[in-house]
Each structure stands twice: as C-alpha cells, then as structure tokens.
Amino acid sequence: MTALLITVDTELSSSLHQRGVGLDDNVRRSIWAEAQGRPCGIGWQMDVLDRHGLKGVFFLDPLPALVHGAAFLKPIVGAIVGRGHEVQMHIHTEWLAAAKDSPVGGRQGRNIGDFTLDDQIILLGLAKALLEDAGAPPITAFRAGNFGANDDTLRALAAIGVTWDSSVNPAYLGHGCDITVDAAQIGAVRHLGVIELPVSGIADRPGGFRPAQICAMSAAEMQAGLRHAAREGHDAFVVVTHSFEMLSRDRMRPNGAVIARFEQLCRAASRLPQVRGAGFNDLPLDLPDRPARALSRVAPSRLRTSLRMAEQAWATWRYEHRLIPA
C-alpha cells in the first residue's frame, strides 16, 4: 500500500506584507485564497480531500506571529484539526526582517539554512511552540520554506524532538536545499537524527526530475507518477501544493487549470485501491529500516511533457493576463 501525502505549504505572504497589505487581507488572500467571491484555499482544499476520503498535511508557517502576534494562528489550526487533517511545521525566515522582537538577535536570512545551528534550534523551537500553543497536536514533521534547509536543520529538528523532515526536493538540491542526500533517493531514509521523506516526482526528461507539485505537473503527469509508485509498491508518494496555489500569481483570480489538477489528483487517488491518503502521523516509524528495494520514478514521456507545456502556456494566457476575466 502506498501512502499518498498531499502536503500544503500554508503561509502568509511576506511580499504582500511589505507592500502594505494588512493581516486580515493577507490571511484572506494567502490562507483561505479568496478571489472574485470564490474560496480556493485551505477550506476548499479540505472540502475536496474530504469528498474523496483523503487526508491533507498542512505545513503551517507561524513566524508571522513575530510581526502580527500569535492570535491569527488559532482559527487556522482549529479549522484544520477540527476536520481531521494534520498540522505540521513550516517556516519562512523572511519574516524576521519585520519582527518586532527578534528571537535571534536581529540576525536575518532568506532560508532557515542560512542560520547557525544554535539559531536554527531557537527558531524551530519557537515555531513548534507557537503551533502547539495555537492548538496543534504535537508537531512531528517539518518542511523548510523555499526548501531552504541544510544538515544543521535536521540536527536542530532532532534536538527539539521532531521526527520527520520533508525539505528535500531534488529539484532544489544544490539550489537552496543543502541537505546531503542523494537526489535519486525516493523512499524514507534516516539522516542526522530524523527521518527524511523527500518530495516525490517524475523523470520528465532523461536524467531530469520534475517535482510532484500541483502547479508544476499536468494531471496526466501526476497520475502517471502516482500509478507508477503504487505499482512498484513505494511506501509513500509526497505531493506539494500551497494554500494560495489555486489562484493566479497576483492572487486576484482563481486559476481553473490548477484547480482542475487538484481535483483530478484527488479523484484518481480515491480510485486506486493500492493508495491510501495519509499524514506523517500515520506512517510507521520503521519505514526507513525496511529492506532496501530498487525503486524508480516513472520514465520520461515526450508526449506527456509536450502536453503539459502546451497546457501551461494556455493556463498562463488564460489566468495570468490581467485583462482576461476568470
């Protein structure tokens, strides 16, 4: 049985904050992703997941609490936990630039991996406490914002008692993600005191990798990757999306192409008997200790890649052009 982890990086926009957008509007546009009277964010995502009997993992970034206070976290955490989905930890250290009281002496960095081990322990420990104080069950998993983690991030997670990390996206290794794992790693592996479960993906060209992200793959590519993982008996298939990913880049209108991909993935997954929706708390802790097997990603297909590129071009024209109504 292959566990399907549909993970949602759930975060406010620091760039909207820098442009003067207030907290309530940022939450509405970034978390609930409301545009043109239509919600497309975590509430809508949970509706779709529930309809198909799946579970979502919402990696929630609490660092905006350093700017806005922690009260905004409670209704978000409550909505997720109240519907039986999983809250886990995310972090975007860009928020430190606007923090009223820095927990690391004013030091700043775009990514958590830009900080020393001691600073990472402080920041990750603070993020964990903020989420749990807001009503989240004990945090057991983490993903770095921008996938910008390094080996010290894993050491820091181990130090604060977090079991799982999912910051490895092979597309980012050496390009912001500096965790020392093999880009070909598919299953869970123990590394520096935590269990690393990489983002899944496909080979979109010989020697290439395309991550299983809703906005990066066509529905056909995503389903091909998931079916291949199920046929090979992969322990897990990890999909990435964002709370605001169903909107246009300016967050002003729904993006029907990305919305359709999310719905098609959930529908296809619900029809695969070898696949079950899961969170990190549903995964056995001995996952990385099982006998090694030869695993692969689905092979490239020129047709799938060409169709996705055409679809992306159409969707950009249709949903990103400001003059075209959604």
C-alpha atoms as a PDB file:
ATOM      1  CA  MET A   1       0.000   0.000   0.000  1.00  0.00           C
ATOM      2  CA  THR A   2       1.360   3.424  -0.989  1.00  0.00           C
ATOM      3  CA  ALA A   3       0.651   6.316   1.365  1.00  0.00           C
ATOM      4  CA  LEU A   4      -0.329   9.467  -0.521  1.00  0.00           C
ATOM      5  CA  LEU A   5       0.705  12.566   1.405  1.00  0.00           C
ATOM      6  CA  ILE A   6      -0.920  15.664  -0.070  1.00  0.00           C
ATOM      7  CA  THR A   7       1.077  18.397   1.630  1.00  0.00           C
ATOM      8  CA  VAL A   8       0.026  22.041   1.612  1.00  0.00           C
ATOM      9  CA  ASP A   9       2.563  24.734   2.475  1.00  0.00           C
ATOM     10  CA  THR A  10       0.250  27.114   4.332  1.00  0.00           C
ATOM     11  CA  GLU A  11       1.675  30.586   4.715  1.00  0.00           C
ATOM     12  CA  LEU A  12       1.079  34.299   4.703  1.00  0.00           C
ATOM     13  CA  SER A  13       2.838  36.342   2.043  1.00  0.00           C
ATOM     14  CA  SER A  14       5.767  38.407   3.300  1.00  0.00           C
ATOM     15  CA  SER A  15       5.793  40.268  -0.019  1.00  0.00           C
ATOM     16  CA  LEU A  16       2.151  41.335   0.443  1.00  0.00           C
ATOM     17  CA  HIS A  17       3.067  42.485   3.949  1.00  0.00           C
ATOM     18  CA  GLN A  18       5.949  44.522   2.544  1.00  0.00           C
ATOM     19  CA  ARG A  19       3.530  46.154   0.110  1.00  0.00           C
ATOM     20  CA  GLY A  20       1.344  47.291   2.992  1.00  0.00           C
ATOM     21  CA  VAL A  21      -1.345  44.587   2.912  1.00  0.00           C
ATOM     22  CA  GLY A  22      -2.814  44.128   6.394  1.00  0.00           C
ATOM     23  CA  LEU A  23      -3.061  40.889   8.345  1.00  0.00           C
ATOM     24  CA  ASP A  24      -6.740  40.155   7.695  1.00  0.00           C
ATOM     25  CA  ASP A  25      -6.417  40.708   3.959  1.00  0.00           C
ATOM     26  CA  ASN A  26      -3.225  38.650   3.843  1.00  0.00           C
ATOM     27  CA  VAL A  27      -4.950  35.763   5.629  1.00  0.00           C
ATOM     28  CA  ARG A  28      -7.916  36.013   3.274  1.00  0.00           C
ATOM     29  CA  ARG A  29      -5.759  36.049   0.142  1.00  0.00           C
ATOM     30  CA  SER A  30      -2.997  33.661   1.232  1.00  0.00           C
ATOM     31  CA  ILE A  31      -4.601  31.095   3.569  1.00  0.00           C
ATOM     32  CA  TRP A  32      -8.251  30.984   2.501  1.00  0.00           C
ATOM     33  CA  ALA A  33      -7.277  32.159  -1.001  1.00  0.00           C
ATOM     34  CA  GLU A  34     -10.477  34.062  -1.659  1.00  0.00           C
ATOM     35  CA  ALA A  35     -10.741  35.775  -5.038  1.00  0.00           C
ATOM     36  CA  GLN A  36     -13.712  37.056  -7.013  1.00  0.00           C
ATOM     37  CA  GLY A  37     -16.056  35.764  -4.314  1.00  0.00           C
ATOM     38  CA  ARG A  38     -14.707  32.221  -4.530  1.00  0.00           C
ATOM     39  CA  PRO A  39     -12.654  30.457  -1.809  1.00  0.00           C
ATOM     40  CA  CYS A  40      -9.814  28.362  -3.240  1.00  0.00           C
ATOM     41  CA  GLY A  41      -7.529  27.957  -0.232  1.00  0.00           C
ATOM     42  CA  ILE A  42      -7.296  25.504   2.629  1.00  0.00           C
ATOM     43  CA  GLY A  43     -11.040  25.352   3.267  1.00  0.00           C
ATOM     44  CA  TRP A  44     -11.751  24.457  -0.343  1.00  0.00           C
ATOM     45  CA  GLN A  45      -8.809  22.022  -0.390  1.00  0.00           C
ATOM     46  CA  MET A  46     -10.175  20.238   2.670  1.00  0.00           C
ATOM     47  CA  ASP A  47     -13.599  20.055   1.019  1.00  0.00           C
ATOM     48  CA  VAL A  48     -12.082  18.264  -1.972  1.00  0.00           C
ATOM     49  CA  LEU A  49      -9.945  15.981   0.203  1.00  0.00           C
ATOM     50  CA  ASP A  50     -12.930  15.063   2.374  1.00  0.00           C
ATOM     51  CA  ARG A  51     -15.062  14.350  -0.674  1.00  0.00           C
ATOM     52  CA  HIS A  52     -12.552  11.745  -1.803  1.00  0.00           C
ATOM     53  CA  GLY A  53     -11.680  10.280   1.595  1.00  0.00           C
ATOM     54  CA  LEU A  54      -8.145  11.693   1.672  1.00  0.00           C
ATOM     55  CA  LYS A  55      -6.068  13.441   4.317  1.00  0.00           C
ATOM     56  CA  GLY A  56      -4.134  16.680   3.948  1.00  0.00           C
ATOM     57  CA  VAL A  57      -0.927  17.691   5.702  1.00  0.00           C
ATOM     58  CA  PHE A  58      -0.885  21.455   6.219  1.00  0.00           C
ATOM     59  CA  PHE A  59       2.632  22.726   6.842  1.00  0.00           C
ATOM     60  CA  LEU A  60       1.756  25.990   8.598  1.00  0.00           C
ATOM     61  CA  ASP A  61       4.234  28.859   8.986  1.00  0.00           C
ATOM     62  CA  PRO A  62       3.815  30.558  12.387  1.00  0.00           C
ATOM     63  CA  LEU A  63       6.655  33.110  12.061  1.00  0.00           C
ATOM     64  CA  PRO A  64       4.328  35.978  11.053  1.00  0.00           C
ATOM     65  CA  ALA A  65       3.364  35.889  14.750  1.00  0.00           C
ATOM     66  CA  LEU A  66       6.603  37.816  15.344  1.00  0.00           C
ATOM     67  CA  VAL A  67       5.002  40.684  13.408  1.00  0.00           C
ATOM     68  CA  HIS A  68       1.263  40.301  13.957  1.00  0.00           C
ATOM     69  CA  GLY A  69       1.005  38.373  17.223  1.00  0.00           C
ATOM     70  CA  ALA A  70       0.010  34.714  17.561  1.00  0.00           C
ATOM     71  CA  ALA A  71      -3.782  35.073  17.707  1.00  0.00           C
ATOM     72  CA  PHE A  72      -4.232  34.661  13.930  1.00  0.00           C
ATOM     73  CA  LEU A  73      -2.936  31.086  14.144  1.00  0.00           C
ATOM     74  CA  LYS A  74      -5.742  29.673  16.309  1.00  0.00           C
ATOM     75  CA  PRO A  75      -8.597  29.773  13.783  1.00  0.00           C
ATOM     76  CA  ILE A  76      -6.357  28.320  11.075  1.00  0.00           C
ATOM     77  CA  VAL A  77      -5.123  25.491  13.284  1.00  0.00           C
ATOM     78  CA  GLY A  78      -8.638  24.910  14.610  1.00  0.00           C
ATOM     79  CA  ALA A  79     -10.106  24.622  11.129  1.00  0.00           C
ATOM     80  CA  ILE A  80      -7.528  22.040  10.056  1.00  0.00           C
ATOM     81  CA  VAL A  81      -7.524  19.935  13.218  1.00  0.00           C
ATOM     82  CA  GLY A  82     -11.299  20.150  13.546  1.00  0.00           C
ATOM     83  CA  ARG A  83     -11.722  18.452  10.179  1.00  0.00           C
ATOM     84  CA  GLY A  84      -9.305  15.625  10.908  1.00  0.00           C
ATOM     85  CA  HIS A  85      -6.377  16.842   8.841  1.00  0.00           C
ATOM     86  CA  GLU A  86      -2.814  17.272  10.033  1.00  0.00           C
ATOM     87  CA  VAL A  87      -0.981  20.438  11.085  1.00  0.00           C
ATOM     88  CA  GLN A  88       2.782  20.307  10.740  1.00  0.00           C
ATOM     89  CA  MET A  89       5.533  22.932  10.832  1.00  0.00           C
ATOM     90  CA  HIS A  90       6.743  25.244   8.075  1.00  0.00           C
ATOM     91  CA  ILE A  91       8.977  28.292   8.371  1.00  0.00           C
ATOM     92  CA  HIS A  92       9.806  31.308   6.229  1.00  0.00           C
ATOM     93  CA  THR A  93      12.586  33.262   7.887  1.00  0.00           C
ATOM     94  CA  GLU A  94      11.947  36.286   5.637  1.00  0.00           C
ATOM     95  CA  TRP A  95       9.558  37.412   8.390  1.00  0.00           C
ATOM     96  CA  LEU A  96      12.479  38.113  10.726  1.00  0.00           C
ATOM     97  CA  ALA A  97      13.188  41.287   8.762  1.00  0.00           C
ATOM     98  CA  ALA A  98       9.913  42.741  10.062  1.00  0.00           C
ATOM     99  CA  ALA A  99       9.922  41.133  13.523  1.00  0.00           C
ATOM    100  CA  LYS A 100       9.125  43.428  16.414  1.00  0.00           C
ATOM    101  CA  ASP A 101      11.372  41.426  18.735  1.00  0.00           C
ATOM    102  CA  SER A 102      13.871  39.086  17.084  1.00  0.00           C
ATOM    103  CA  PRO A 103      14.498  35.780  18.869  1.00  0.00           C
ATOM    104  CA  VAL A 104      17.958  35.559  17.242  1.00  0.00           C
ATOM    105  CA  GLY A 105      19.432  38.947  17.986  1.00  0.00           C
ATOM    106  CA  GLY A 106      18.332  40.608  14.775  1.00  0.00           C
ATOM    107  CA  ARG A 107      20.100  38.134  12.505  1.00  0.00           C
ATOM    108  CA  GLN A 108      18.318  37.586   9.193  1.00  0.00           C
ATOM    109  CA  GLY A 109      18.321  35.181   6.272  1.00  0.00           C
ATOM    110  CA  ARG A 110      16.050  34.151   3.433  1.00  0.00           C
ATOM    111  CA  ASN A 111      16.128  30.470   4.444  1.00  0.00           C
ATOM    112  CA  ILE A 112      16.364  28.564   7.700  1.00  0.00           C
ATOM    113  CA  GLY A 113      19.584  27.026   6.363  1.00  0.00           C
ATOM    114  CA  ASP A 114      21.214  30.469   6.370  1.00  0.00           C
ATOM    115  CA  PHE A 115      21.396  30.391  10.175  1.00  0.00           C
ATOM    116  CA  THR A 116      23.770  28.711  12.612  1.00  0.00           C
ATOM    117  CA  LEU A 117      22.754  25.511  14.327  1.00  0.00           C
ATOM    118  CA  ASP A 118      22.072  27.354  17.585  1.00  0.00           C
ATOM    119  CA  ASP A 119      19.875  29.908  15.840  1.00  0.00           C
ATOM    120  CA  GLN A 120      18.015  27.168  13.983  1.00  0.00           C
ATOM    121  CA  ILE A 121      17.267  25.394  17.253  1.00  0.00           C
ATOM    122  CA  ILE A 122      15.843  28.653  18.638  1.00  0.00           C
ATOM    123  CA  LEU A 123      13.751  29.422  15.544  1.00  0.00           C
ATOM    124  CA  LEU A 124      12.406  25.915  15.057  1.00  0.00           C
ATOM    125  CA  GLY A 125      11.691  25.518  18.761  1.00  0.00           C
ATOM    126  CA  LEU A 126       9.782  28.796  18.726  1.00  0.00           C
ATOM    127  CA  ALA A 127       7.784  27.776  15.632  1.00  0.00           C
ATOM    128  CA  LYS A 128       6.895  24.441  17.210  1.00  0.00           C
ATOM    129  CA  ALA A 129       5.744  26.111  20.433  1.00  0.00           C
ATOM    130  CA  LEU A 130       3.638  28.682  18.554  1.00  0.00           C
ATOM    131  CA  LEU A 131       1.774  25.980  16.637  1.00  0.00           C
ATOM    132  CA  GLU A 132       1.193  23.791  19.667  1.00  0.00           C
ATOM    133  CA  ASP A 133       0.076  26.771  21.747  1.00  0.00           C
ATOM    134  CA  ALA A 134      -2.423  27.544  18.961  1.00  0.00           C
ATOM    135  CA  GLY A 135      -3.993  24.103  19.399  1.00  0.00           C
ATOM    136  CA  ALA A 136      -1.985  21.849  17.098  1.00  0.00           C
ATOM    137  CA  PRO A 137      -1.225  18.336  18.339  1.00  0.00           C
ATOM    138  CA  PRO A 138       2.478  17.697  18.987  1.00  0.00           C
ATOM    139  CA  ILE A 139       4.430  18.633  15.868  1.00  0.00           C
ATOM    140  CA  THR A 140       6.213  15.658  14.314  1.00  0.00           C
ATOM    141  CA  ALA A 141       7.161  16.877  10.811  1.00  0.00           C
ATOM    142  CA  PHE A 142       8.742  19.893   9.154  1.00  0.00           C
ATOM    143  CA  ARG A 143       9.310  21.425   5.749  1.00  0.00           C
ATOM    144  CA  ALA A 144      11.550  24.417   5.161  1.00  0.00           C
ATOM    145  CA  GLY A 145      10.221  27.410   3.284  1.00  0.00           C
ATOM    146  CA  ASN A 146      11.789  27.552  -0.187  1.00  0.00           C
ATOM    147  CA  PHE A 147      13.076  24.030   0.642  1.00  0.00           C
ATOM    148  CA  GLY A 148      15.983  26.054   2.042  1.00  0.00           C
ATOM    149  CA  ALA A 149      17.269  23.674   4.697  1.00  0.00           C
ATOM    150  CA  ASN A 150      20.717  22.228   5.373  1.00  0.00           C
ATOM    151  CA  ASP A 151      22.144  19.454   7.514  1.00  0.00           C
ATOM    152  CA  ASP A 152      22.058  21.681  10.606  1.00  0.00           C
ATOM    153  CA  THR A 153      18.307  21.985  10.086  1.00  0.00           C
ATOM    154  CA  LEU A 154      17.975  18.241  10.568  1.00  0.00           C
ATOM    155  CA  ARG A 155      20.220  18.372  13.628  1.00  0.00           C
ATOM    156  CA  ALA A 156      18.057  21.167  15.040  1.00  0.00           C
ATOM    157  CA  LEU A 157      14.858  19.207  14.381  1.00  0.00           C
ATOM    158  CA  ALA A 158      16.323  16.209  16.194  1.00  0.00           C
ATOM    159  CA  ALA A 159      17.271  18.467  19.094  1.00  0.00           C
ATOM    160  CA  ILE A 160      13.688  19.696  19.545  1.00  0.00           C
ATOM    161  CA  GLY A 161      12.096  16.273  19.087  1.00  0.00           C
ATOM    162  CA  VAL A 162      10.685  16.476  15.547  1.00  0.00           C
ATOM    163  CA  THR A 163      10.749  13.068  13.857  1.00  0.00           C
ATOM    164  CA  TRP A 164      10.155  13.724  10.145  1.00  0.00           C
ATOM    165  CA  ASP A 165      11.525  16.166   7.604  1.00  0.00           C
ATOM    166  CA  SER A 166      10.256  16.718   4.064  1.00  0.00           C
ATOM    167  CA  SER A 167      12.528  19.565   2.973  1.00  0.00           C
ATOM    168  CA  VAL A 168      14.329  17.571   0.294  1.00  0.00           C
ATOM    169  CA  ASN A 169      13.044  18.422  -3.144  1.00  0.00           C
ATOM    170  CA  PRO A 170      15.556  17.046  -5.665  1.00  0.00           C
ATOM    171  CA  ALA A 171      14.834  19.998  -7.965  1.00  0.00           C
ATOM    172  CA  TYR A 172      16.266  22.296  -5.274  1.00  0.00           C
ATOM    173  CA  LEU A 173      19.277  20.254  -4.143  1.00  0.00           C
ATOM    174  CA  GLY A 174      22.297  22.475  -4.588  1.00  0.00           C
ATOM    175  CA  HIS A 175      19.972  25.380  -5.362  1.00  0.00           C
ATOM    176  CA  GLY A 176      18.875  26.445  -1.890  1.00  0.00           C
ATOM    177  CA  CYS A 177      18.426  22.999  -0.391  1.00  0.00           C
ATOM    178  CA  ASP A 178      21.770  21.887   1.074  1.00  0.00           C
ATOM    179  CA  ILE A 179      20.801  18.657   2.809  1.00  0.00           C
ATOM    180  CA  THR A 180      23.345  15.967   1.965  1.00  0.00           C
ATOM    181  CA  VAL A 181      21.171  13.252   0.474  1.00  0.00           C
ATOM    182  CA  ASP A 182      21.262  11.591  -2.924  1.00  0.00           C
ATOM    183  CA  ALA A 183      18.962  13.261  -5.453  1.00  0.00           C
ATOM    184  CA  ALA A 184      17.915   9.760  -6.520  1.00  0.00           C
ATOM    185  CA  GLN A 185      16.586   8.971  -3.038  1.00  0.00           C
ATOM    186  CA  ILE A 186      12.887   8.088  -3.293  1.00  0.00           C
ATOM    187  CA  GLY A 187      11.892   6.450  -0.027  1.00  0.00           C
ATOM    188  CA  ALA A 188      12.337   7.456   3.592  1.00  0.00           C
ATOM    189  CA  VAL A 189      15.870   7.488   4.985  1.00  0.00           C
ATOM    190  CA  ARG A 190      17.319   8.151   8.434  1.00  0.00           C
ATOM    191  CA  HIS A 191      19.659  11.125   8.327  1.00  0.00           C
ATOM    192  CA  LEU A 192      21.197  13.146  11.169  1.00  0.00           C
ATOM    193  CA  GLY A 193      18.645  12.099  13.751  1.00  0.00           C
ATOM    194  CA  VAL A 194      15.428  12.482  11.741  1.00  0.00           C
ATOM    195  CA  ILE A 195      13.585  10.568   9.034  1.00  0.00           C
ATOM    196  CA  GLU A 196      13.846  12.322   5.686  1.00  0.00           C
ATOM    197  CA  LEU A 197      10.929  11.754   3.306  1.00  0.00           C
ATOM    198  CA  PRO A 198      11.654  13.571   0.034  1.00  0.00           C
ATOM    199  CA  VAL A 199       9.127  15.235  -2.240  1.00  0.00           C
ATOM    200  CA  SER A 200       8.132  12.803  -4.984  1.00  0.00           C
ATOM    201  CA  GLY A 201       8.355  13.417  -8.707  1.00  0.00           C
ATOM    202  CA  ILE A 202       8.835  12.033 -12.188  1.00  0.00           C
ATOM    203  CA  ALA A 203      11.576  11.938 -14.788  1.00  0.00           C
ATOM    204  CA  ASP A 204      10.325  14.465 -17.330  1.00  0.00           C
ATOM    205  CA  ARG A 205      13.416  14.009 -19.498  1.00  0.00           C
ATOM    206  CA  PRO A 206      16.380  11.613 -19.387  1.00  0.00           C
ATOM    207  CA  GLY A 207      18.235  12.337 -16.152  1.00  0.00           C
ATOM    208  CA  GLY A 208      15.719  15.030 -15.211  1.00  0.00           C
ATOM    209  CA  PHE A 209      13.368  15.483 -12.284  1.00  0.00           C
ATOM    210  CA  ARG A 210      10.074  17.296 -12.035  1.00  0.00           C
ATOM    211  CA  PRO A 211       8.577  17.577  -8.548  1.00  0.00           C
ATOM    212  CA  ALA A 212       5.066  16.396  -7.758  1.00  0.00           C
ATOM    213  CA  GLN A 213       3.757  19.911  -7.267  1.00  0.00           C
ATOM    214  CA  ILE A 214       0.252  20.754  -8.393  1.00  0.00           C
ATOM    215  CA  CYS A 215       1.292  23.864 -10.312  1.00  0.00           C
ATOM    216  CA  ALA A 216       4.341  22.151 -11.852  1.00  0.00           C
ATOM    217  CA  MET A 217       2.821  18.957 -13.244  1.00  0.00           C
ATOM    218  CA  SER A 218      -0.105  18.249 -15.512  1.00  0.00           C
ATOM    219  CA  ALA A 219      -2.827  15.966 -14.199  1.00  0.00           C
ATOM    220  CA  ALA A 220      -1.591  13.251 -16.561  1.00  0.00           C
ATOM    221  CA  GLU A 221       1.978  13.525 -15.242  1.00  0.00           C
ATOM    222  CA  MET A 222       0.830  13.473 -11.620  1.00  0.00           C
ATOM    223  CA  GLN A 223      -1.381  10.451 -12.159  1.00  0.00           C
ATOM    224  CA  ALA A 224       1.350   8.631 -14.071  1.00  0.00           C
ATOM    225  CA  GLY A 225       3.771   9.232 -11.224  1.00  0.00           C
ATOM    226  CA  LEU A 226       1.293   8.081  -8.583  1.00  0.00           C
ATOM    227  CA  ARG A 227       0.269   4.961 -10.508  1.00  0.00           C
ATOM    228  CA  HIS A 228       3.919   4.057 -11.059  1.00  0.00           C
ATOM    229  CA  ALA A 229       4.652   4.466  -7.344  1.00  0.00           C
ATOM    230  CA  ALA A 230       1.675   2.270  -6.479  1.00  0.00           C
ATOM    231  CA  ARG A 231       2.684  -0.426  -8.982  1.00  0.00           C
ATOM    232  CA  GLU A 232       6.248  -0.519  -7.631  1.00  0.00           C
ATOM    233  CA  GLY A 233       4.979  -0.516  -4.066  1.00  0.00           C
ATOM    234  CA  HIS A 234       6.579   2.736  -2.931  1.00  0.00           C
ATOM    235  CA  ASP A 235       5.904   3.347   0.735  1.00  0.00           C
ATOM    236  CA  ALA A 236       4.857   6.954   0.071  1.00  0.00           C
ATOM    237  CA  PHE A 237       4.170   9.483  -2.657  1.00  0.00           C
ATOM    238  CA  VAL A 238       4.574  13.073  -1.456  1.00  0.00           C
ATOM    239  CA  VAL A 239       2.712  15.817  -3.329  1.00  0.00           C
ATOM    240  CA  VAL A 240       3.287  19.548  -2.762  1.00  0.00           C
ATOM    241  CA  THR A 241       0.930  22.467  -3.147  1.00  0.00           C
ATOM    242  CA  HIS A 242       0.349  25.787  -1.388  1.00  0.00           C
ATOM    243  CA  SER A 243      -2.620  27.346   0.345  1.00  0.00           C
ATOM    244  CA  PHE A 244      -2.773  30.022  -2.398  1.00  0.00           C
ATOM    245  CA  GLU A 245      -1.714  27.875  -5.357  1.00  0.00           C
ATOM    246  CA  MET A 246      -5.206  27.691  -6.856  1.00  0.00           C
ATOM    247  CA  LEU A 247      -5.070  31.441  -7.560  1.00  0.00           C
ATOM    248  CA  SER A 248      -3.313  33.474 -10.211  1.00  0.00           C
ATOM    249  CA  ARG A 249       0.141  34.699  -9.235  1.00  0.00           C
ATOM    250  CA  ASP A 250      -1.216  38.089  -8.175  1.00  0.00           C
ATOM    251  CA  ARG A 251      -3.877  36.268  -6.085  1.00  0.00           C
ATOM    252  CA  MET A 252      -6.647  38.205  -7.773  1.00  0.00           C
ATOM    253  CA  ARG A 253      -8.498  35.394  -9.607  1.00  0.00           C
ATOM    254  CA  PRO A 254      -8.978  31.603  -9.406  1.00  0.00           C
ATOM    255  CA  ASN A 255      -6.741  29.568 -11.706  1.00  0.00           C
ATOM    256  CA  GLY A 256      -9.083  26.986 -13.186  1.00  0.00           C
ATOM    257  CA  ALA A 257      -6.269  24.872 -14.601  1.00  0.00           C
ATOM    258  CA  VAL A 258      -4.601  24.328 -11.217  1.00  0.00           C
ATOM    259  CA  ILE A 259      -7.967  23.826  -9.516  1.00  0.00           C
ATOM    260  CA  ALA A 260      -8.783  21.088 -12.033  1.00  0.00           C
ATOM    261  CA  ARG A 261      -5.423  19.387 -11.423  1.00  0.00           C
ATOM    262  CA  PHE A 262      -6.010  19.216  -7.677  1.00  0.00           C
ATOM    263  CA  GLU A 263      -9.490  17.789  -8.163  1.00  0.00           C
ATOM    264  CA  GLN A 264      -8.269  15.262 -10.745  1.00  0.00           C
ATOM    265  CA  LEU A 265      -5.460  14.065  -8.475  1.00  0.00           C
ATOM    266  CA  CYS A 266      -7.844  13.510  -5.571  1.00  0.00           C
ATOM    267  CA  ARG A 267     -10.387  11.740  -7.756  1.00  0.00           C
ATOM    268  CA  ALA A 268      -7.745   9.482  -9.321  1.00  0.00           C
ATOM    269  CA  ALA A 269      -6.188   8.656  -5.942  1.00  0.00           C
ATOM    270  CA  SER A 270      -9.543   7.680  -4.476  1.00  0.00           C
ATOM    271  CA  ARG A 271      -9.979   5.131  -7.264  1.00  0.00           C
ATOM    272  CA  LEU A 272      -6.608   3.424  -6.783  1.00  0.00           C
ATOM    273  CA  PRO A 273      -7.004   0.529  -4.331  1.00  0.00           C
ATOM    274  CA  GLN A 274      -3.235   0.426  -3.713  1.00  0.00           C
ATOM    275  CA  VAL A 275      -3.213   4.056  -2.485  1.00  0.00           C
ATOM    276  CA  ARG A 276      -4.373   5.483   0.842  1.00  0.00           C
ATOM    277  CA  GLY A 277      -4.416   9.065   1.993  1.00  0.00           C
ATOM    278  CA  ALA A 278      -2.136   9.645   4.969  1.00  0.00           C
ATOM    279  CA  GLY A 279      -0.332  12.138   7.145  1.00  0.00           C
ATOM    280  CA  PHE A 280       3.066  11.808   8.773  1.00  0.00           C
ATOM    281  CA  ASN A 281       1.447  10.586  11.971  1.00  0.00           C
ATOM    282  CA  ASP A 282       0.030   7.636  10.020  1.00  0.00           C
ATOM    283  CA  LEU A 283       3.444   6.463   8.802  1.00  0.00           C
ATOM    284  CA  PRO A 284       5.282   3.708  10.677  1.00  0.00           C
ATOM    285  CA  LEU A 285       8.479   4.850  12.340  1.00  0.00           C
ATOM    286  CA  ASP A 286      10.366   1.846  10.962  1.00  0.00           C
ATOM    287  CA  LEU A 287       9.730   2.971   7.374  1.00  0.00           C
ATOM    288  CA  PRO A 288      13.413   3.747   6.653  1.00  0.00           C
ATOM    289  CA  ASP A 289      14.569   0.499   8.287  1.00  0.00           C
ATOM    290  CA  ARG A 290      12.773  -1.875   5.957  1.00  0.00           C
ATOM    291  CA  PRO A 291      14.803  -3.976   3.489  1.00  0.00           C
ATOM    292  CA  ALA A 292      16.171  -1.888   0.629  1.00  0.00           C
ATOM    293  CA  ARG A 293      14.374  -2.196  -2.704  1.00  0.00           C
ATOM    294  CA  ALA A 294      15.141  -0.902  -6.160  1.00  0.00           C
ATOM    295  CA  LEU A 295      12.706   1.973  -6.685  1.00  0.00           C
ATOM    296  CA  SER A 296      12.361   4.193  -9.712  1.00  0.00           C
ATOM    297  CA  ARG A 297      10.443   7.220 -10.934  1.00  0.00           C
ATOM    298  CA  VAL A 298       8.146   6.996 -13.899  1.00  0.00           C
ATOM    299  CA  ALA A 299      10.100   7.199 -17.149  1.00  0.00           C
ATOM    300  CA  PRO A 300      10.018  10.290 -19.389  1.00  0.00           C
ATOM    301  CA  SER A 301       7.334  10.700 -21.997  1.00  0.00           C
ATOM    302  CA  ARG A 302       7.755  13.312 -24.710  1.00  0.00           C
ATOM    303  CA  LEU A 303       4.021  13.324 -25.251  1.00  0.00           C
ATOM    304  CA  ARG A 304       3.195  13.981 -21.580  1.00  0.00           C
ATOM    305  CA  THR A 305       5.849  16.688 -21.343  1.00  0.00           C
ATOM    306  CA  SER A 306       4.723  18.387 -24.555  1.00  0.00           C
ATOM    307  CA  LEU A 307       1.093  18.339 -23.492  1.00  0.00           C
ATOM    308  CA  ARG A 308       1.977  19.818 -20.111  1.00  0.00           C
ATOM    309  CA  MET A 309       3.992  22.614 -21.713  1.00  0.00           C
ATOM    310  CA  ALA A 310       1.082  23.434 -24.008  1.00  0.00           C
ATOM    311  CA  GLU A 311      -1.332  23.339 -21.069  1.00  0.00           C
ATOM    312  CA  GLN A 312       0.918  25.606 -19.009  1.00  0.00           C
ATOM    313  CA  ALA A 313       1.168  28.114 -21.849  1.00  0.00           C
ATOM    314  CA  TRP A 314      -2.608  28.161 -22.243  1.00  0.00           C
ATOM    315  CA  ALA A 315      -3.206  28.487 -18.490  1.00  0.00           C
ATOM    316  CA  THR A 316      -0.734  31.371 -18.238  1.00  0.00           C
ATOM    317  CA  TRP A 317      -2.520  33.173 -21.074  1.00  0.00           C
ATOM    318  CA  ARG A 318      -5.939  32.395 -19.640  1.00  0.00           C
ATOM    319  CA  TYR A 319      -5.474  33.061 -15.941  1.00  0.00           C
ATOM    320  CA  GLU A 320      -2.416  35.287 -15.532  1.00  0.00           C
ATOM    321  CA  HIS A 321      -3.353  38.009 -18.030  1.00  0.00           C
ATOM    322  CA  ARG A 322      -4.996  40.788 -16.035  1.00  0.00           C
ATOM    323  CA  LEU A 323      -7.358  41.774 -18.812  1.00  0.00           C
ATOM    324  CA  ILE A 324      -8.978  38.381 -19.187  1.00  0.00           C
ATOM    325  CA  PRO A 325     -11.844  37.680 -16.737  1.00  0.00           C
ATOM    326  CA  ALA A 326     -11.672  34.380 -14.881  1.00  0.00           C
END
